[in-house]
């Protein structure tokens, strides 16, 4: 295979304007994904992200089949999954079993809806792996609204949520309603997943909502720098993936996930070297 078949940047200057919406959408998704991911890691909800993404995919696929807005369907599916996990998955063991049940159900339901959908195959494939040029103005507006809701609510509850995340027992003793905060956060997670599914697809949403935060936590324990690094890593993965996909012949998700994984490996390497130096000192 010729390298130019995979990467061809000869018309890059003319292609960039075609994905301006995708770049804005990617930046929004990376911002909320990086911030939400910090709590996902600290609250051990990585597995829940995958479960919510599968039901988000099912909702989007069903709405695509019946001719309704795919973004709305994705949000409906995500919120439904988040409510199920929040209400029934109080304990970690219960939550994991519920997610394990939701994942195959959501994936199977979504595949059934796509099998019945008579439209273009690209629409079907895009729900799983993302689409670089599928972000039109209405979809960008929807993503902007979702992002604004997540960011505003995160801003309001950030301090008590962080307190409840790091030390739930002490937070509860000081009057913090940890259970309500937990439910609110899972709903915010559902919205973040619904936004991410539109860009990177349901199968690889972990690359934005888990990997950047996991890399950030390898490098720092600071309550300030972990969110900053997480957002930075998510931005590099998302925007870098879009720009690389623009010159390649592959869907966006392989580029995003590869960049995200490389950042994680580098973070682990830096942390390993730092720890070795600390032991020797």
C-alpha atoms as a PDB file:
ATOM      1  CA  UNK A   1       0.000   0.000   0.000  1.00  0.00           C
ATOM      2  CA  UNK A   2       1.268   3.455  -0.930  1.00  0.00           C
ATOM      3  CA  UNK A   3       1.669   5.807   2.057  1.00  0.00           C
ATOM      4  CA  UNK A   4      -0.166   8.498   0.103  1.00  0.00           C
ATOM      5  CA  UNK A   5      -3.251   6.287   0.092  1.00  0.00           C
ATOM      6  CA  UNK A   6      -3.494   6.689   3.849  1.00  0.00           C
ATOM      7  CA  UNK A   7      -2.186  10.248   4.252  1.00  0.00           C
ATOM      8  CA  UNK A   8      -2.630  12.860   1.573  1.00  0.00           C
ATOM      9  CA  UNK A   9      -2.380  16.488   2.623  1.00  0.00           C
ATOM     10  CA  UNK A  10      -2.086  18.001  -0.832  1.00  0.00           C
ATOM     11  CA  UNK A  11      -5.479  19.769  -0.635  1.00  0.00           C
ATOM     12  CA  UNK A  12      -5.313  20.459   3.079  1.00  0.00           C
ATOM     13  CA  UNK A  13      -5.912  24.206   2.804  1.00  0.00           C
ATOM     14  CA  UNK A  14      -9.174  23.605   0.940  1.00  0.00           C
ATOM     15  CA  UNK A  15     -10.313  20.797   3.226  1.00  0.00           C
ATOM     16  CA  UNK A  16      -9.890  22.624   6.556  1.00  0.00           C
ATOM     17  CA  UNK A  17     -12.961  24.890   6.042  1.00  0.00           C
ATOM     18  CA  UNK A  18     -15.064  21.779   5.404  1.00  0.00           C
ATOM     19  CA  UNK A  19     -14.465  20.524   8.941  1.00  0.00           C
ATOM     20  CA  UNK A  20     -14.658  23.802  10.854  1.00  0.00           C
ATOM     21  CA  UNK A  21     -17.854  22.584  12.559  1.00  0.00           C
ATOM     22  CA  UNK A  22     -16.144  19.323  13.457  1.00  0.00           C
ATOM     23  CA  UNK A  23     -13.226  21.188  15.007  1.00  0.00           C
ATOM     24  CA  UNK A  24     -15.536  23.333  17.128  1.00  0.00           C
ATOM     25  CA  UNK A  25     -17.577  20.287  18.118  1.00  0.00           C
ATOM     26  CA  UNK A  26     -14.407  18.359  18.910  1.00  0.00           C
ATOM     27  CA  UNK A  27     -13.161  21.181  21.124  1.00  0.00           C
ATOM     28  CA  UNK A  28     -16.455  21.238  23.033  1.00  0.00           C
ATOM     29  CA  UNK A  29     -16.486  17.486  23.496  1.00  0.00           C
ATOM     30  CA  UNK A  30     -12.835  17.474  24.580  1.00  0.00           C
ATOM     31  CA  UNK A  31     -13.515  20.231  27.120  1.00  0.00           C
ATOM     32  CA  UNK A  32     -16.415  18.493  28.833  1.00  0.00           C
ATOM     33  CA  UNK A  33     -14.843  15.061  28.395  1.00  0.00           C
ATOM     34  CA  UNK A  34     -11.611  16.155  30.038  1.00  0.00           C
ATOM     35  CA  UNK A  35     -13.418  17.709  33.014  1.00  0.00           C
ATOM     36  CA  UNK A  36     -15.976  14.958  33.521  1.00  0.00           C
ATOM     37  CA  UNK A  37     -13.259  12.340  33.070  1.00  0.00           C
ATOM     38  CA  UNK A  38     -11.501  13.504  36.237  1.00  0.00           C
ATOM     39  CA  UNK A  39     -14.520  12.489  38.302  1.00  0.00           C
ATOM     40  CA  UNK A  40     -15.041   9.338  36.236  1.00  0.00           C
ATOM     41  CA  UNK A  41     -11.580   8.152  37.245  1.00  0.00           C
ATOM     42  CA  UNK A  42     -11.786   9.243  40.876  1.00  0.00           C
ATOM     43  CA  UNK A  43     -15.254   7.730  41.330  1.00  0.00           C
ATOM     44  CA  UNK A  44     -14.280   4.513  39.489  1.00  0.00           C
ATOM     45  CA  UNK A  45     -16.971   4.890  36.821  1.00  0.00           C
ATOM     46  CA  UNK A  46     -14.887   3.894  33.788  1.00  0.00           C
ATOM     47  CA  UNK A  47     -16.985   0.795  33.171  1.00  0.00           C
ATOM     48  CA  UNK A  48     -20.180   2.850  33.482  1.00  0.00           C
ATOM     49  CA  UNK A  49     -19.028   5.098  30.617  1.00  0.00           C
ATOM     50  CA  UNK A  50     -19.034   2.125  28.268  1.00  0.00           C
ATOM     51  CA  UNK A  51     -22.487   1.011  29.426  1.00  0.00           C
ATOM     52  CA  UNK A  52     -23.963   4.485  28.948  1.00  0.00           C
ATOM     53  CA  UNK A  53     -22.358   4.788  25.499  1.00  0.00           C
ATOM     54  CA  UNK A  54     -24.012   1.559  24.338  1.00  0.00           C
ATOM     55  CA  UNK A  55     -27.481   2.782  25.323  1.00  0.00           C
ATOM     56  CA  UNK A  56     -26.673   6.187  23.817  1.00  0.00           C
ATOM     57  CA  UNK A  57     -25.849   4.378  20.590  1.00  0.00           C
ATOM     58  CA  UNK A  58     -29.143   2.458  20.815  1.00  0.00           C
ATOM     59  CA  UNK A  59     -31.118   5.668  21.315  1.00  0.00           C
ATOM     60  CA  UNK A  60     -29.389   7.357  18.384  1.00  0.00           C
ATOM     61  CA  UNK A  61     -29.929   4.318  16.141  1.00  0.00           C
ATOM     62  CA  UNK A  62     -33.630   4.071  17.022  1.00  0.00           C
ATOM     63  CA  UNK A  63     -34.180   7.776  16.382  1.00  0.00           C
ATOM     64  CA  UNK A  64     -32.309   7.452  13.078  1.00  0.00           C
ATOM     65  CA  UNK A  65     -34.619   4.579  12.117  1.00  0.00           C
ATOM     66  CA  UNK A  66     -37.821   6.465  12.894  1.00  0.00           C
ATOM     67  CA  UNK A  67     -36.600   9.694  11.300  1.00  0.00           C
ATOM     68  CA  UNK A  68     -36.052  11.804  14.419  1.00  0.00           C
ATOM     69  CA  UNK A  69     -33.027  13.833  15.510  1.00  0.00           C
ATOM     70  CA  UNK A  70     -30.086  11.509  16.196  1.00  0.00           C
ATOM     71  CA  UNK A  71     -28.607  13.840  18.848  1.00  0.00           C
ATOM     72  CA  UNK A  72     -31.877  13.808  20.797  1.00  0.00           C
ATOM     73  CA  UNK A  73     -31.970  10.022  20.558  1.00  0.00           C
ATOM     74  CA  UNK A  74     -28.419   9.811  21.844  1.00  0.00           C
ATOM     75  CA  UNK A  75     -29.268  12.042  24.800  1.00  0.00           C
ATOM     76  CA  UNK A  76     -32.421  10.034  25.594  1.00  0.00           C
ATOM     77  CA  UNK A  77     -30.454   6.785  25.570  1.00  0.00           C
ATOM     78  CA  UNK A  78     -27.661   8.222  27.705  1.00  0.00           C
ATOM     79  CA  UNK A  79     -30.004   9.733  30.284  1.00  0.00           C
ATOM     80  CA  UNK A  80     -31.983   6.488  30.507  1.00  0.00           C
ATOM     81  CA  UNK A  81     -28.781   4.513  31.137  1.00  0.00           C
ATOM     82  CA  UNK A  82     -27.501   7.092  33.625  1.00  0.00           C
ATOM     83  CA  UNK A  83     -30.754   6.990  35.607  1.00  0.00           C
ATOM     84  CA  UNK A  84     -30.716   3.205  35.721  1.00  0.00           C
ATOM     85  CA  UNK A  85     -27.115   3.188  36.971  1.00  0.00           C
ATOM     86  CA  UNK A  86     -27.720   6.025  39.455  1.00  0.00           C
ATOM     87  CA  UNK A  87     -30.878   4.511  40.957  1.00  0.00           C
ATOM     88  CA  UNK A  88     -30.002   0.808  40.931  1.00  0.00           C
ATOM     89  CA  UNK A  89     -26.219   0.888  41.074  1.00  0.00           C
ATOM     90  CA  UNK A  90     -25.670   2.354  44.518  1.00  0.00           C
ATOM     91  CA  UNK A  91     -22.845  -0.015  45.331  1.00  0.00           C
ATOM     92  CA  UNK A  92     -19.870  -0.694  43.086  1.00  0.00           C
ATOM     93  CA  UNK A  93     -20.724  -4.391  42.734  1.00  0.00           C
ATOM     94  CA  UNK A  94     -24.351  -3.641  41.784  1.00  0.00           C
ATOM     95  CA  UNK A  95     -23.252  -0.910  39.377  1.00  0.00           C
ATOM     96  CA  UNK A  96     -20.848  -3.203  37.539  1.00  0.00           C
ATOM     97  CA  UNK A  97     -23.462  -5.927  37.124  1.00  0.00           C
ATOM     98  CA  UNK A  98     -26.038  -3.409  35.849  1.00  0.00           C
ATOM     99  CA  UNK A  99     -23.542  -1.993  33.340  1.00  0.00           C
ATOM    100  CA  UNK A 100     -22.663  -5.519  32.213  1.00  0.00           C
ATOM    101  CA  UNK A 101     -26.368  -6.120  31.523  1.00  0.00           C
ATOM    102  CA  UNK A 102     -26.905  -2.762  29.796  1.00  0.00           C
ATOM    103  CA  UNK A 103     -23.946  -3.086  27.414  1.00  0.00           C
ATOM    104  CA  UNK A 104     -25.078  -6.104  25.345  1.00  0.00           C
ATOM    105  CA  UNK A 105     -28.710  -4.977  25.501  1.00  0.00           C
ATOM    106  CA  UNK A 106     -27.907  -1.496  24.190  1.00  0.00           C
ATOM    107  CA  UNK A 107     -25.522  -2.781  21.531  1.00  0.00           C
ATOM    108  CA  UNK A 108     -27.985  -5.415  20.351  1.00  0.00           C
ATOM    109  CA  UNK A 109     -30.873  -2.943  20.249  1.00  0.00           C
ATOM    110  CA  UNK A 110     -28.782  -0.429  18.326  1.00  0.00           C
ATOM    111  CA  UNK A 111     -27.588  -3.003  15.790  1.00  0.00           C
ATOM    112  CA  UNK A 112     -31.179  -4.147  15.267  1.00  0.00           C
ATOM    113  CA  UNK A 113     -32.282  -0.560  14.561  1.00  0.00           C
ATOM    114  CA  UNK A 114     -29.396  -0.046  12.133  1.00  0.00           C
ATOM    115  CA  UNK A 115     -30.179  -3.328  10.362  1.00  0.00           C
ATOM    116  CA  UNK A 116     -33.735  -2.093   9.772  1.00  0.00           C
ATOM    117  CA  UNK A 117     -32.600   1.375   8.668  1.00  0.00           C
ATOM    118  CA  UNK A 118     -32.891   1.701   4.872  1.00  0.00           C
ATOM    119  CA  UNK A 119     -30.641   4.766   4.497  1.00  0.00           C
ATOM    120  CA  UNK A 120     -26.958   5.209   3.702  1.00  0.00           C
ATOM    121  CA  UNK A 121     -24.441   2.849   5.266  1.00  0.00           C
ATOM    122  CA  UNK A 122     -22.269   5.831   6.291  1.00  0.00           C
ATOM    123  CA  UNK A 123     -24.940   6.929   8.770  1.00  0.00           C
ATOM    124  CA  UNK A 124     -24.919   3.485  10.359  1.00  0.00           C
ATOM    125  CA  UNK A 125     -21.133   3.212  10.525  1.00  0.00           C
ATOM    126  CA  UNK A 126     -20.761   6.739  11.869  1.00  0.00           C
ATOM    127  CA  UNK A 127     -22.774   6.019  15.019  1.00  0.00           C
ATOM    128  CA  UNK A 128     -20.198   3.397  15.960  1.00  0.00           C
ATOM    129  CA  UNK A 129     -16.937   5.009  14.854  1.00  0.00           C
ATOM    130  CA  UNK A 130     -17.747   8.705  14.373  1.00  0.00           C
ATOM    131  CA  UNK A 131     -17.935  10.876  11.272  1.00  0.00           C
ATOM    132  CA  UNK A 132     -15.626  13.777  10.511  1.00  0.00           C
ATOM    133  CA  UNK A 133     -17.896  15.742   8.159  1.00  0.00           C
ATOM    134  CA  UNK A 134     -21.259  14.911   9.725  1.00  0.00           C
ATOM    135  CA  UNK A 135     -21.381  17.895  12.096  1.00  0.00           C
ATOM    136  CA  UNK A 136     -23.752  20.350  10.455  1.00  0.00           C
ATOM    137  CA  UNK A 137     -24.905  23.621  12.026  1.00  0.00           C
ATOM    138  CA  UNK A 138     -27.949  22.153  13.856  1.00  0.00           C
ATOM    139  CA  UNK A 139     -25.845  19.343  15.324  1.00  0.00           C
ATOM    140  CA  UNK A 140     -23.144  21.808  16.396  1.00  0.00           C
ATOM    141  CA  UNK A 141     -25.820  23.934  18.068  1.00  0.00           C
ATOM    142  CA  UNK A 142     -27.145  20.866  19.900  1.00  0.00           C
ATOM    143  CA  UNK A 143     -23.660  19.943  21.073  1.00  0.00           C
ATOM    144  CA  UNK A 144     -23.088  23.532  22.224  1.00  0.00           C
ATOM    145  CA  UNK A 145     -26.287  23.415  24.317  1.00  0.00           C
ATOM    146  CA  UNK A 146     -25.330  20.054  25.852  1.00  0.00           C
ATOM    147  CA  UNK A 147     -21.821  21.315  26.593  1.00  0.00           C
ATOM    148  CA  UNK A 148     -23.145  24.511  28.188  1.00  0.00           C
ATOM    149  CA  UNK A 149     -25.468  22.532  30.469  1.00  0.00           C
ATOM    150  CA  UNK A 150     -22.654  20.217  31.559  1.00  0.00           C
ATOM    151  CA  UNK A 151     -20.184  23.063  32.137  1.00  0.00           C
ATOM    152  CA  UNK A 152     -22.618  25.236  34.096  1.00  0.00           C
ATOM    153  CA  UNK A 153     -23.714  22.396  36.368  1.00  0.00           C
ATOM    154  CA  UNK A 154     -20.117  21.251  36.846  1.00  0.00           C
ATOM    155  CA  UNK A 155     -19.142  24.790  37.842  1.00  0.00           C
ATOM    156  CA  UNK A 156     -21.951  24.914  40.398  1.00  0.00           C
ATOM    157  CA  UNK A 157     -21.248  21.548  42.029  1.00  0.00           C
ATOM    158  CA  UNK A 158     -17.479  21.230  41.440  1.00  0.00           C
ATOM    159  CA  UNK A 159     -16.256  21.829  45.011  1.00  0.00           C
ATOM    160  CA  UNK A 160     -18.827  19.716  46.895  1.00  0.00           C
ATOM    161  CA  UNK A 161     -18.609  17.015  44.209  1.00  0.00           C
ATOM    162  CA  UNK A 162     -14.819  16.894  44.520  1.00  0.00           C
ATOM    163  CA  UNK A 163     -15.146  16.771  48.311  1.00  0.00           C
ATOM    164  CA  UNK A 164     -17.666  13.916  48.089  1.00  0.00           C
ATOM    165  CA  UNK A 165     -15.510  12.129  45.516  1.00  0.00           C
ATOM    166  CA  UNK A 166     -12.280  12.236  47.522  1.00  0.00           C
ATOM    167  CA  UNK A 167     -13.785  11.557  50.973  1.00  0.00           C
ATOM    168  CA  UNK A 168     -17.477  10.659  50.897  1.00  0.00           C
ATOM    169  CA  UNK A 169     -17.775   9.855  54.605  1.00  0.00           C
ATOM    170  CA  UNK A 170     -16.301  13.142  55.818  1.00  0.00           C
ATOM    171  CA  UNK A 171     -18.319  15.058  53.230  1.00  0.00           C
ATOM    172  CA  UNK A 172     -21.548  13.416  54.399  1.00  0.00           C
ATOM    173  CA  UNK A 173     -20.648  14.155  58.029  1.00  0.00           C
ATOM    174  CA  UNK A 174     -20.274  17.834  57.123  1.00  0.00           C
ATOM    175  CA  UNK A 175     -23.719  17.987  55.554  1.00  0.00           C
ATOM    176  CA  UNK A 176     -22.894  17.387  51.890  1.00  0.00           C
ATOM    177  CA  UNK A 177     -25.690  15.470  50.179  1.00  0.00           C
ATOM    178  CA  UNK A 178     -23.382  12.916  48.586  1.00  0.00           C
ATOM    179  CA  UNK A 179     -26.168  10.733  47.165  1.00  0.00           C
ATOM    180  CA  UNK A 180     -27.845  13.597  45.305  1.00  0.00           C
ATOM    181  CA  UNK A 181     -24.491  14.791  44.009  1.00  0.00           C
ATOM    182  CA  UNK A 182     -23.766  11.275  42.782  1.00  0.00           C
ATOM    183  CA  UNK A 183     -27.031  11.150  40.846  1.00  0.00           C
ATOM    184  CA  UNK A 184     -26.451  14.603  39.342  1.00  0.00           C
ATOM    185  CA  UNK A 185     -22.958  13.624  38.258  1.00  0.00           C
ATOM    186  CA  UNK A 186     -24.094  10.403  36.595  1.00  0.00           C
ATOM    187  CA  UNK A 187     -26.665  12.422  34.649  1.00  0.00           C
ATOM    188  CA  UNK A 188     -23.918  14.870  33.607  1.00  0.00           C
ATOM    189  CA  UNK A 189     -21.859  11.866  32.574  1.00  0.00           C
ATOM    190  CA  UNK A 190     -24.771  10.716  30.435  1.00  0.00           C
ATOM    191  CA  UNK A 191     -24.883  14.084  28.662  1.00  0.00           C
ATOM    192  CA  UNK A 192     -21.114  14.044  28.133  1.00  0.00           C
ATOM    193  CA  UNK A 193     -21.307  10.551  26.648  1.00  0.00           C
ATOM    194  CA  UNK A 194     -24.152  11.607  24.332  1.00  0.00           C
ATOM    195  CA  UNK A 195     -22.006  14.476  23.064  1.00  0.00           C
ATOM    196  CA  UNK A 196     -18.911  12.317  22.593  1.00  0.00           C
ATOM    197  CA  UNK A 197     -20.811   9.581  20.741  1.00  0.00           C
ATOM    198  CA  UNK A 198     -21.681  12.069  17.995  1.00  0.00           C
ATOM    199  CA  UNK A 199     -17.992  12.678  17.270  1.00  0.00           C
ATOM    200  CA  UNK A 200     -15.986   9.526  18.021  1.00  0.00           C
ATOM    201  CA  UNK A 201     -18.802   6.975  17.975  1.00  0.00           C
ATOM    202  CA  UNK A 202     -20.190   4.697  20.676  1.00  0.00           C
ATOM    203  CA  UNK A 203     -17.437   2.084  20.598  1.00  0.00           C
ATOM    204  CA  UNK A 204     -14.528   4.417  21.347  1.00  0.00           C
ATOM    205  CA  UNK A 205     -15.989   7.035  23.661  1.00  0.00           C
ATOM    206  CA  UNK A 206     -13.621   5.905  26.429  1.00  0.00           C
ATOM    207  CA  UNK A 207     -10.779   7.588  24.528  1.00  0.00           C
ATOM    208  CA  UNK A 208     -12.179  10.989  25.539  1.00  0.00           C
ATOM    209  CA  UNK A 209     -13.887  10.339  28.847  1.00  0.00           C
ATOM    210  CA  UNK A 210     -11.325   8.070  30.498  1.00  0.00           C
ATOM    211  CA  UNK A 211      -7.881   8.012  28.862  1.00  0.00           C
ATOM    212  CA  UNK A 212      -6.991  11.756  29.107  1.00  0.00           C
ATOM    213  CA  UNK A 213      -7.927  11.873  32.797  1.00  0.00           C
ATOM    214  CA  UNK A 214      -6.079   8.616  33.448  1.00  0.00           C
ATOM    215  CA  UNK A 215      -2.960  10.130  31.856  1.00  0.00           C
ATOM    216  CA  UNK A 216      -3.347  13.350  33.862  1.00  0.00           C
ATOM    217  CA  UNK A 217      -3.623  11.419  37.131  1.00  0.00           C
ATOM    218  CA  UNK A 218      -0.333   9.692  36.306  1.00  0.00           C
ATOM    219  CA  UNK A 219       1.407  13.044  36.173  1.00  0.00           C
ATOM    220  CA  UNK A 220      -0.205  14.935  39.042  1.00  0.00           C
ATOM    221  CA  UNK A 221      -2.465  14.673  42.078  1.00  0.00           C
ATOM    222  CA  UNK A 222      -3.208  18.394  42.171  1.00  0.00           C
ATOM    223  CA  UNK A 223      -6.885  19.335  42.127  1.00  0.00           C
ATOM    224  CA  UNK A 224      -5.945  22.192  39.792  1.00  0.00           C
ATOM    225  CA  UNK A 225      -3.510  20.532  37.391  1.00  0.00           C
ATOM    226  CA  UNK A 226      -5.318  17.230  36.902  1.00  0.00           C
ATOM    227  CA  UNK A 227      -8.373  18.877  35.241  1.00  0.00           C
ATOM    228  CA  UNK A 228      -6.121  21.213  33.233  1.00  0.00           C
ATOM    229  CA  UNK A 229      -3.950  18.355  31.946  1.00  0.00           C
ATOM    230  CA  UNK A 230      -6.978  16.160  31.294  1.00  0.00           C
ATOM    231  CA  UNK A 231      -8.612  18.827  29.123  1.00  0.00           C
ATOM    232  CA  UNK A 232      -5.304  19.510  27.351  1.00  0.00           C
ATOM    233  CA  UNK A 233      -4.782  15.815  26.545  1.00  0.00           C
ATOM    234  CA  UNK A 234      -8.385  15.470  25.362  1.00  0.00           C
ATOM    235  CA  UNK A 235      -7.983  18.530  23.110  1.00  0.00           C
ATOM    236  CA  UNK A 236      -4.770  17.208  21.560  1.00  0.00           C
ATOM    237  CA  UNK A 237      -6.351  13.794  20.953  1.00  0.00           C
ATOM    238  CA  UNK A 238      -9.603  15.165  19.565  1.00  0.00           C
ATOM    239  CA  UNK A 239      -8.401  18.033  17.409  1.00  0.00           C
ATOM    240  CA  UNK A 240      -5.254  16.182  16.354  1.00  0.00           C
ATOM    241  CA  UNK A 241      -7.388  13.194  15.374  1.00  0.00           C
ATOM    242  CA  UNK A 242      -9.683  15.343  13.250  1.00  0.00           C
ATOM    243  CA  UNK A 243      -6.782  17.013  11.472  1.00  0.00           C
ATOM    244  CA  UNK A 244      -5.053  13.685  10.801  1.00  0.00           C
ATOM    245  CA  UNK A 245      -8.283  12.067   9.617  1.00  0.00           C
ATOM    246  CA  UNK A 246      -8.736  14.933   7.194  1.00  0.00           C
ATOM    247  CA  UNK A 247      -5.627  13.831   5.311  1.00  0.00           C
ATOM    248  CA  UNK A 248      -6.294  10.124   5.662  1.00  0.00           C
ATOM    249  CA  UNK A 249      -8.773   7.685   4.273  1.00  0.00           C
ATOM    250  CA  UNK A 250      -9.929   6.273   7.600  1.00  0.00           C
ATOM    251  CA  UNK A 251     -12.676   7.236  10.099  1.00  0.00           C
ATOM    252  CA  UNK A 252     -11.789   9.731  12.793  1.00  0.00           C
ATOM    253  CA  UNK A 253     -11.837   7.335  15.758  1.00  0.00           C
ATOM    254  CA  UNK A 254      -8.593   5.387  15.020  1.00  0.00           C
ATOM    255  CA  UNK A 255      -6.646   8.646  15.004  1.00  0.00           C
ATOM    256  CA  UNK A 256      -8.271   9.958  18.189  1.00  0.00           C
ATOM    257  CA  UNK A 257      -7.799   6.711  20.082  1.00  0.00           C
ATOM    258  CA  UNK A 258      -4.200   6.289  18.918  1.00  0.00           C
ATOM    259  CA  UNK A 259      -3.224   9.810  19.977  1.00  0.00           C
ATOM    260  CA  UNK A 260      -5.010   9.356  23.294  1.00  0.00           C
ATOM    261  CA  UNK A 261      -3.246   6.045  23.915  1.00  0.00           C
ATOM    262  CA  UNK A 262       0.166   7.484  23.017  1.00  0.00           C
ATOM    263  CA  UNK A 263      -0.371  10.354  25.453  1.00  0.00           C
ATOM    264  CA  UNK A 264      -1.255   7.825  28.158  1.00  0.00           C
ATOM    265  CA  UNK A 265       1.864   5.768  27.444  1.00  0.00           C
ATOM    266  CA  UNK A 266       4.053   8.886  27.589  1.00  0.00           C
ATOM    267  CA  UNK A 267       2.421   9.922  30.878  1.00  0.00           C
ATOM    268  CA  UNK A 268       3.091   6.482  32.347  1.00  0.00           C
ATOM    269  CA  UNK A 269       6.686   6.677  31.167  1.00  0.00           C
ATOM    270  CA  UNK A 270       7.206  10.108  32.702  1.00  0.00           C
ATOM    271  CA  UNK A 271       5.626   8.951  35.964  1.00  0.00           C
ATOM    272  CA  UNK A 272       7.850   5.856  36.021  1.00  0.00           C
ATOM    273  CA  UNK A 273      11.015   7.903  35.518  1.00  0.00           C
ATOM    274  CA  UNK A 274       9.912  10.402  38.173  1.00  0.00           C
ATOM    275  CA  UNK A 275       9.167   7.641  40.693  1.00  0.00           C
ATOM    276  CA  UNK A 276      12.531   5.983  40.011  1.00  0.00           C
ATOM    277  CA  UNK A 277      14.325   9.268  40.658  1.00  0.00           C
ATOM    278  CA  UNK A 278      12.334   9.792  43.870  1.00  0.00           C
ATOM    279  CA  UNK A 279      13.321   6.326  45.153  1.00  0.00           C
ATOM    280  CA  UNK A 280      16.997   6.942  44.412  1.00  0.00           C
ATOM    281  CA  UNK A 281      16.876  10.320  46.143  1.00  0.00           C
END
